[in-house]
Amino acid sequence: MGRKVRAEEEDAQIDMTPMLDVVFIMLIFFIVTTVFVKQAGVNVNKPEGVTATLKKNANIFIAVTEDGNVWMDRREISLDSVTANLEKLLSEQPTDIVFIQADTKAKHGIVIEVMDKVKAAGIDRVSVAVRD
C-alpha cells in the first residue's frame, strides 16, 4: 500500500481585506472626531500675566489688534459682525469658551465690546490670552 503524494503544494496567503477595512474605518473615525482650532489669524503682542492658567479646550480665538481691528478665523471682521461669525463657528463646532487675544496697546473699550458680542452669542466663559 503506497501513500499518495500531493503534486501541488498550496501556498498559504493571508487575506488583507478585513484589516484594511478596519484601518479605513479607524481613519474616518479619527478625522470626524478631530477638534479643529479656529485661530484668529493675526499675531498680537499679548500682555504678561502672572496668575494665568492654561485652558486645554481652546477652540475659538478672537484677536484685537493695536489698531482696533478684530480678527476671527484668519480674516478681519467688523465689530458688528462678531456675534454672527461666532454663531456660525459655534454651529460647526460647539464650545463653551472663547479666547480673546488682545494686543497690549489695544483700546480697552473695543475689547469690552468684543466680550459683550461673545456673551450675546451665548458664550458665558470668555478668557483673555496672555503671554507665557
N, C-alpha and C. Protein backbone atom coordinates (compact mmCIF):
# COMPACT_ATOMS: atom_id res chain seq x y z
N MET A 1 0.81 -1.16 0.00
CA MET A 1 0.00 0.00 0.00
C MET A 1 0.87 1.25 0.00
N GLY A 2 0.72 2.02 -0.96
CA GLY A 2 1.55 3.21 -1.10
C GLY A 2 0.80 4.47 -0.69
N ARG A 3 1.55 5.43 -0.34
CA ARG A 3 0.97 6.73 0.05
C ARG A 3 0.77 7.58 -1.18
N LYS A 4 -0.27 8.39 -1.11
CA LYS A 4 -0.49 9.34 -2.19
C LYS A 4 0.31 10.60 -1.90
N VAL A 5 1.05 11.05 -2.80
CA VAL A 5 1.84 12.25 -2.64
C VAL A 5 1.16 13.36 -3.43
N ARG A 6 0.98 14.46 -2.77
CA ARG A 6 0.35 15.59 -3.46
C ARG A 6 1.34 16.20 -4.43
N ALA A 7 0.86 16.44 -5.58
CA ALA A 7 1.73 17.00 -6.60
C ALA A 7 1.90 18.51 -6.41
N GLU A 8 0.84 19.17 -5.93
CA GLU A 8 0.91 20.63 -5.75
C GLU A 8 0.91 20.95 -4.27
N GLU A 9 1.68 21.92 -3.92
CA GLU A 9 1.63 22.43 -2.55
C GLU A 9 0.84 23.72 -2.57
N GLU A 10 -0.04 23.85 -1.60
CA GLU A 10 -0.84 25.06 -1.52
C GLU A 10 -0.07 26.13 -0.77
N ASP A 11 -0.02 27.33 -1.35
CA ASP A 11 0.64 28.44 -0.67
C ASP A 11 -0.37 29.08 0.27
N ALA A 12 0.02 29.24 1.51
CA ALA A 12 -0.85 29.89 2.49
C ALA A 12 -0.75 31.41 2.30
N GLN A 13 -1.90 32.06 2.15
CA GLN A 13 -1.94 33.50 1.97
C GLN A 13 -2.88 34.10 3.01
N ILE A 14 -2.53 35.26 3.46
CA ILE A 14 -3.36 35.96 4.43
C ILE A 14 -4.21 36.98 3.67
N ASP A 15 -5.50 36.96 3.94
CA ASP A 15 -6.40 37.91 3.30
C ASP A 15 -6.31 39.24 4.04
N MET A 16 -5.85 40.28 3.35
CA MET A 16 -5.63 41.59 3.97
C MET A 16 -6.86 42.48 3.95
N THR A 17 -7.91 42.09 3.27
CA THR A 17 -9.09 42.94 3.11
C THR A 17 -9.73 43.33 4.45
N PRO A 18 -9.98 42.40 5.38
CA PRO A 18 -10.59 42.83 6.65
C PRO A 18 -9.72 43.82 7.44
N MET A 19 -8.41 43.62 7.40
CA MET A 19 -7.53 44.53 8.11
C MET A 19 -7.57 45.93 7.48
N LEU A 20 -7.59 46.01 6.18
CA LEU A 20 -7.67 47.30 5.51
C LEU A 20 -9.00 47.99 5.80
N ASP A 21 -10.07 47.21 5.86
CA ASP A 21 -11.37 47.79 6.21
C ASP A 21 -11.33 48.42 7.59
N VAL A 22 -10.74 47.74 8.54
CA VAL A 22 -10.65 48.26 9.91
C VAL A 22 -9.79 49.52 9.94
N VAL A 23 -8.70 49.54 9.21
CA VAL A 23 -7.83 50.71 9.18
C VAL A 23 -8.56 51.91 8.60
N PHE A 24 -9.30 51.72 7.53
CA PHE A 24 -10.04 52.83 6.92
C PHE A 24 -11.15 53.33 7.84
N ILE A 25 -11.82 52.44 8.54
CA ILE A 25 -12.86 52.84 9.49
C ILE A 25 -12.24 53.65 10.63
N MET A 26 -11.08 53.23 11.13
CA MET A 26 -10.40 53.99 12.19
C MET A 26 -9.97 55.36 11.68
N LEU A 27 -9.49 55.43 10.45
CA LEU A 27 -9.09 56.71 9.87
C LEU A 27 -10.28 57.66 9.78
N ILE A 28 -11.40 57.17 9.33
CA ILE A 28 -12.61 58.00 9.25
C ILE A 28 -13.03 58.45 10.64
N PHE A 29 -12.96 57.56 11.62
CA PHE A 29 -13.33 57.91 12.99
C PHE A 29 -12.45 59.04 13.52
N PHE A 30 -11.14 58.95 13.32
CA PHE A 30 -10.25 59.98 13.82
C PHE A 30 -10.42 61.31 13.08
N ILE A 31 -10.73 61.27 11.82
CA ILE A 31 -10.95 62.51 11.06
C ILE A 31 -12.21 63.20 11.55
N VAL A 32 -13.26 62.43 11.80
CA VAL A 32 -14.53 63.01 12.22
C VAL A 32 -14.45 63.56 13.64
N THR A 33 -13.72 62.91 14.51
CA THR A 33 -13.68 63.33 15.92
C THR A 33 -12.57 64.31 16.23
N THR A 34 -11.79 64.69 15.25
CA THR A 34 -10.70 65.64 15.48
C THR A 34 -11.26 67.02 15.77
N VAL A 35 -10.66 67.68 16.73
CA VAL A 35 -11.06 69.03 17.08
C VAL A 35 -10.22 70.00 16.26
N PHE A 36 -10.90 70.87 15.56
CA PHE A 36 -10.21 71.86 14.75
C PHE A 36 -10.22 73.19 15.48
N VAL A 37 -9.05 73.77 15.65
CA VAL A 37 -8.93 75.04 16.35
C VAL A 37 -9.12 76.17 15.36
N LYS A 38 -9.98 77.12 15.70
CA LYS A 38 -10.23 78.28 14.85
C LYS A 38 -9.34 79.42 15.33
N GLN A 39 -8.19 79.57 14.67
CA GLN A 39 -7.24 80.61 15.05
C GLN A 39 -7.74 81.98 14.63
N ALA A 40 -7.24 82.98 15.31
CA ALA A 40 -7.63 84.36 14.98
C ALA A 40 -7.05 84.78 13.64
N GLY A 41 -5.81 84.42 13.36
CA GLY A 41 -5.21 84.73 12.07
C GLY A 41 -4.22 85.87 12.08
N VAL A 42 -3.98 86.47 13.21
CA VAL A 42 -3.02 87.57 13.30
C VAL A 42 -2.30 87.44 14.63
N ASN A 43 -1.02 87.79 14.64
CA ASN A 43 -0.25 87.75 15.88
C ASN A 43 -0.34 89.11 16.57
N VAL A 44 -0.62 89.07 17.86
CA VAL A 44 -0.69 90.30 18.64
C VAL A 44 0.30 90.22 19.79
N ASN A 45 0.69 91.37 20.29
CA ASN A 45 1.60 91.45 21.42
C ASN A 45 0.76 91.36 22.70
N LYS A 46 0.64 90.15 23.23
CA LYS A 46 -0.21 89.92 24.40
C LYS A 46 0.48 90.43 25.66
N PRO A 47 -0.31 90.87 26.62
CA PRO A 47 0.28 91.32 27.89
C PRO A 47 0.76 90.12 28.71
N GLU A 48 1.64 90.40 29.67
CA GLU A 48 2.13 89.34 30.55
C GLU A 48 1.12 89.11 31.67
N GLY A 49 1.02 87.87 32.09
CA GLY A 49 0.11 87.54 33.18
C GLY A 49 0.79 86.62 34.18
N VAL A 50 0.79 87.00 35.43
CA VAL A 50 1.46 86.22 36.46
C VAL A 50 0.58 85.07 36.94
N THR A 51 -0.71 85.31 37.07
CA THR A 51 -1.61 84.29 37.61
C THR A 51 -2.40 83.59 36.51
N ALA A 52 -1.86 83.51 35.33
CA ALA A 52 -2.56 82.89 34.21
C ALA A 52 -2.66 81.39 34.39
N THR A 53 -3.76 80.82 33.93
CA THR A 53 -3.94 79.37 33.94
C THR A 53 -4.12 78.89 32.51
N LEU A 54 -3.65 77.69 32.25
CA LEU A 54 -3.72 77.12 30.91
C LEU A 54 -5.06 76.43 30.72
N LYS A 55 -5.77 76.78 29.66
CA LYS A 55 -7.04 76.15 29.31
C LYS A 55 -6.79 75.18 28.17
N LYS A 56 -7.22 73.95 28.33
CA LYS A 56 -6.92 72.92 27.34
C LYS A 56 -7.89 72.89 26.16
N ASN A 57 -9.13 73.31 26.36
CA ASN A 57 -10.12 73.19 25.29
C ASN A 57 -10.29 74.49 24.52
N ALA A 58 -9.18 75.02 24.04
CA ALA A 58 -9.22 76.27 23.28
C ALA A 58 -9.57 75.96 21.83
N ASN A 59 -10.74 76.40 21.39
CA ASN A 59 -11.17 76.12 20.03
C ASN A 59 -11.33 77.38 19.19
N ILE A 60 -11.84 78.44 19.78
CA ILE A 60 -12.12 79.66 19.01
C ILE A 60 -11.35 80.82 19.61
N PHE A 61 -10.60 81.51 18.75
CA PHE A 61 -9.81 82.67 19.17
C PHE A 61 -10.28 83.91 18.41
N ILE A 62 -10.36 85.02 19.13
CA ILE A 62 -10.67 86.31 18.53
C ILE A 62 -9.52 87.24 18.90
N ALA A 63 -8.95 87.91 17.90
CA ALA A 63 -7.82 88.80 18.17
C ALA A 63 -8.26 90.25 17.98
N VAL A 64 -7.76 91.11 18.86
CA VAL A 64 -7.96 92.56 18.75
C VAL A 64 -6.58 93.17 18.62
N THR A 65 -6.33 93.83 17.48
CA THR A 65 -5.00 94.38 17.23
C THR A 65 -4.85 95.76 17.86
N GLU A 66 -3.65 96.28 17.75
CA GLU A 66 -3.33 97.61 18.29
C GLU A 66 -4.19 98.70 17.63
N ASP A 67 -4.50 98.51 16.34
CA ASP A 67 -5.30 99.50 15.60
C ASP A 67 -6.80 99.41 15.92
N GLY A 68 -7.22 98.37 16.64
CA GLY A 68 -8.63 98.18 16.93
C GLY A 68 -9.32 97.26 15.95
N ASN A 69 -8.55 96.60 15.07
CA ASN A 69 -9.14 95.64 14.13
C ASN A 69 -9.43 94.33 14.85
N VAL A 70 -10.51 93.68 14.45
CA VAL A 70 -10.92 92.42 15.06
C VAL A 70 -10.72 91.31 14.03
N TRP A 71 -10.03 90.24 14.44
CA TRP A 71 -9.75 89.11 13.57
C TRP A 71 -10.36 87.85 14.16
N MET A 72 -10.99 87.06 13.28
CA MET A 72 -11.55 85.78 13.69
C MET A 72 -11.47 84.82 12.51
N ASP A 73 -11.06 83.61 12.76
CA ASP A 73 -10.98 82.57 11.73
C ASP A 73 -10.12 83.01 10.55
N ARG A 74 -8.99 83.60 10.84
CA ARG A 74 -7.97 84.05 9.87
C ARG A 74 -8.42 85.15 8.92
N ARG A 75 -9.40 85.93 9.33
CA ARG A 75 -9.82 87.07 8.50
C ARG A 75 -10.28 88.21 9.39
N GLU A 76 -10.12 89.40 8.85
CA GLU A 76 -10.53 90.60 9.58
C GLU A 76 -12.04 90.78 9.43
N ILE A 77 -12.70 91.04 10.55
CA ILE A 77 -14.15 91.23 10.53
C ILE A 77 -14.48 92.54 11.23
N SER A 78 -15.69 93.03 10.99
CA SER A 78 -16.11 94.25 11.67
C SER A 78 -16.60 93.90 13.07
N LEU A 79 -16.62 94.87 13.92
CA LEU A 79 -17.04 94.66 15.30
C LEU A 79 -18.51 94.25 15.37
N ASP A 80 -19.31 94.76 14.46
CA ASP A 80 -20.73 94.43 14.45
C ASP A 80 -21.02 92.99 14.03
N SER A 81 -20.10 92.37 13.29
CA SER A 81 -20.35 91.02 12.81
C SER A 81 -19.71 89.93 13.68
N VAL A 82 -19.20 90.29 14.85
CA VAL A 82 -18.58 89.30 15.74
C VAL A 82 -19.61 88.25 16.16
N THR A 83 -20.80 88.68 16.56
CA THR A 83 -21.81 87.73 17.03
C THR A 83 -22.23 86.78 15.91
N ALA A 84 -22.46 87.29 14.72
CA ALA A 84 -22.89 86.44 13.60
C ALA A 84 -21.81 85.43 13.22
N ASN A 85 -20.55 85.88 13.16
CA ASN A 85 -19.45 84.97 12.83
C ASN A 85 -19.26 83.91 13.91
N LEU A 86 -19.41 84.33 15.15
CA LEU A 86 -19.25 83.39 16.26
C LEU A 86 -20.36 82.35 16.25
N GLU A 87 -21.58 82.76 15.96
CA GLU A 87 -22.69 81.80 15.89
C GLU A 87 -22.47 80.79 14.77
N LYS A 88 -21.90 81.25 13.65
CA LYS A 88 -21.59 80.34 12.54
C LYS A 88 -20.53 79.32 12.97
N LEU A 89 -19.48 79.78 13.65
CA LEU A 89 -18.44 78.87 14.12
C LEU A 89 -18.97 77.91 15.17
N LEU A 90 -19.87 78.38 16.02
CA LEU A 90 -20.43 77.52 17.05
C LEU A 90 -21.34 76.45 16.46
N SER A 91 -21.98 76.73 15.35
CA SER A 91 -22.81 75.71 14.71
C SER A 91 -21.94 74.60 14.12
N GLU A 92 -20.74 74.95 13.68
CA GLU A 92 -19.81 73.95 13.15
C GLU A 92 -19.16 73.16 14.26
N GLN A 93 -18.79 73.84 15.34
CA GLN A 93 -18.07 73.20 16.43
C GLN A 93 -18.45 73.85 17.75
N PRO A 94 -19.40 73.25 18.47
CA PRO A 94 -19.84 73.85 19.73
C PRO A 94 -18.72 73.86 20.78
N THR A 95 -18.66 74.93 21.53
CA THR A 95 -17.70 75.06 22.62
C THR A 95 -18.32 75.95 23.69
N ASP A 96 -17.75 75.92 24.87
CA ASP A 96 -18.29 76.74 25.95
C ASP A 96 -17.36 77.87 26.36
N ILE A 97 -16.25 78.04 25.63
CA ILE A 97 -15.29 79.08 25.98
C ILE A 97 -14.70 79.69 24.71
N VAL A 98 -14.47 80.99 24.76
CA VAL A 98 -13.85 81.73 23.65
C VAL A 98 -12.66 82.49 24.23
N PHE A 99 -11.56 82.53 23.47
CA PHE A 99 -10.36 83.23 23.91
C PHE A 99 -10.19 84.51 23.11
N ILE A 100 -9.95 85.58 23.82
CA ILE A 100 -9.69 86.87 23.19
C ILE A 100 -8.20 87.17 23.34
N GLN A 101 -7.54 87.39 22.21
CA GLN A 101 -6.13 87.74 22.19
C GLN A 101 -6.04 89.23 21.89
N ALA A 102 -5.92 90.02 22.92
CA ALA A 102 -5.88 91.47 22.76
C ALA A 102 -4.44 91.96 22.84
N ASP A 103 -4.09 92.87 21.95
CA ASP A 103 -2.77 93.48 21.96
C ASP A 103 -2.65 94.35 23.21
N THR A 104 -1.41 94.52 23.71
CA THR A 104 -1.21 95.34 24.91
C THR A 104 -1.61 96.79 24.68
N LYS A 105 -1.57 97.26 23.42
CA LYS A 105 -1.92 98.64 23.13
C LYS A 105 -3.33 98.78 22.55
N ALA A 106 -4.10 97.69 22.56
CA ALA A 106 -5.48 97.76 22.07
C ALA A 106 -6.32 98.55 23.06
N LYS A 107 -7.31 99.24 22.54
CA LYS A 107 -8.17 100.05 23.41
C LYS A 107 -9.09 99.14 24.23
N HIS A 108 -9.18 99.46 25.49
CA HIS A 108 -9.95 98.67 26.42
C HIS A 108 -11.42 98.59 26.01
N GLY A 109 -11.95 99.66 25.49
CA GLY A 109 -13.36 99.71 25.09
C GLY A 109 -13.69 98.71 23.99
N ILE A 110 -12.78 98.54 23.04
CA ILE A 110 -13.02 97.61 21.94
C ILE A 110 -13.00 96.17 22.47
N VAL A 111 -12.08 95.87 23.38
CA VAL A 111 -12.02 94.53 23.96
C VAL A 111 -13.31 94.23 24.72
N ILE A 112 -13.82 95.20 25.46
CA ILE A 112 -15.07 95.01 26.20
C ILE A 112 -16.24 94.80 25.24
N GLU A 113 -16.25 95.55 24.13
CA GLU A 113 -17.32 95.37 23.14
C GLU A 113 -17.27 93.97 22.53
N VAL A 114 -16.06 93.46 22.26
CA VAL A 114 -15.92 92.10 21.74
C VAL A 114 -16.44 91.10 22.77
N MET A 115 -16.11 91.32 24.04
CA MET A 115 -16.61 90.43 25.11
C MET A 115 -18.14 90.44 25.16
N ASP A 116 -18.73 91.61 25.01
CA ASP A 116 -20.19 91.71 25.01
C ASP A 116 -20.79 90.96 23.82
N LYS A 117 -20.16 91.06 22.66
CA LYS A 117 -20.65 90.36 21.48
C LYS A 117 -20.55 88.84 21.67
N VAL A 118 -19.48 88.39 22.32
CA VAL A 118 -19.33 86.96 22.60
C VAL A 118 -20.43 86.49 23.54
N LYS A 119 -20.70 87.27 24.57
CA LYS A 119 -21.77 86.92 25.51
C LYS A 119 -23.13 86.93 24.80
N ALA A 120 -23.33 87.84 23.86
CA ALA A 120 -24.59 87.89 23.11
C ALA A 120 -24.77 86.66 22.23
N ALA A 121 -23.67 86.02 21.84
CA ALA A 121 -23.74 84.80 21.03
C ALA A 121 -24.04 83.57 21.88
N GLY A 122 -24.09 83.74 23.21
CA GLY A 122 -24.44 82.62 24.08
C GLY A 122 -23.27 81.97 24.79
N ILE A 123 -22.11 82.56 24.73
CA ILE A 123 -20.93 82.02 25.42
C ILE A 123 -20.73 82.80 26.70
N ASP A 124 -20.78 82.10 27.84
CA ASP A 124 -20.61 82.76 29.13
C ASP A 124 -19.16 82.82 29.58
N ARG A 125 -18.34 81.90 29.10
CA ARG A 125 -16.94 81.86 29.53
C ARG A 125 -16.06 82.53 28.48
N VAL A 126 -15.49 83.65 28.85
CA VAL A 126 -14.58 84.39 27.97
C VAL A 126 -13.25 84.53 28.69
N SER A 127 -12.18 84.14 28.04
CA SER A 127 -10.84 84.24 28.61
C SER A 127 -10.00 85.17 27.77
N VAL A 128 -9.12 85.90 28.42
CA VAL A 128 -8.19 86.78 27.72
C VAL A 128 -6.82 86.12 27.75
N ALA A 129 -6.23 85.95 26.57
CA ALA A 129 -4.95 85.28 26.45
C ALA A 129 -3.82 86.21 26.88
N VAL A 130 -2.83 85.64 27.55
CA VAL A 130 -1.64 86.39 27.97
C VAL A 130 -0.39 85.69 27.47
N ARG A 131 0.71 86.41 27.54
CA ARG A 131 1.99 85.86 27.12
C ARG A 131 2.55 84.97 28.21
N ASP A 132 3.20 83.89 27.81
CA ASP A 132 3.80 82.96 28.80
C ASP A 132 4.97 83.59 29.47
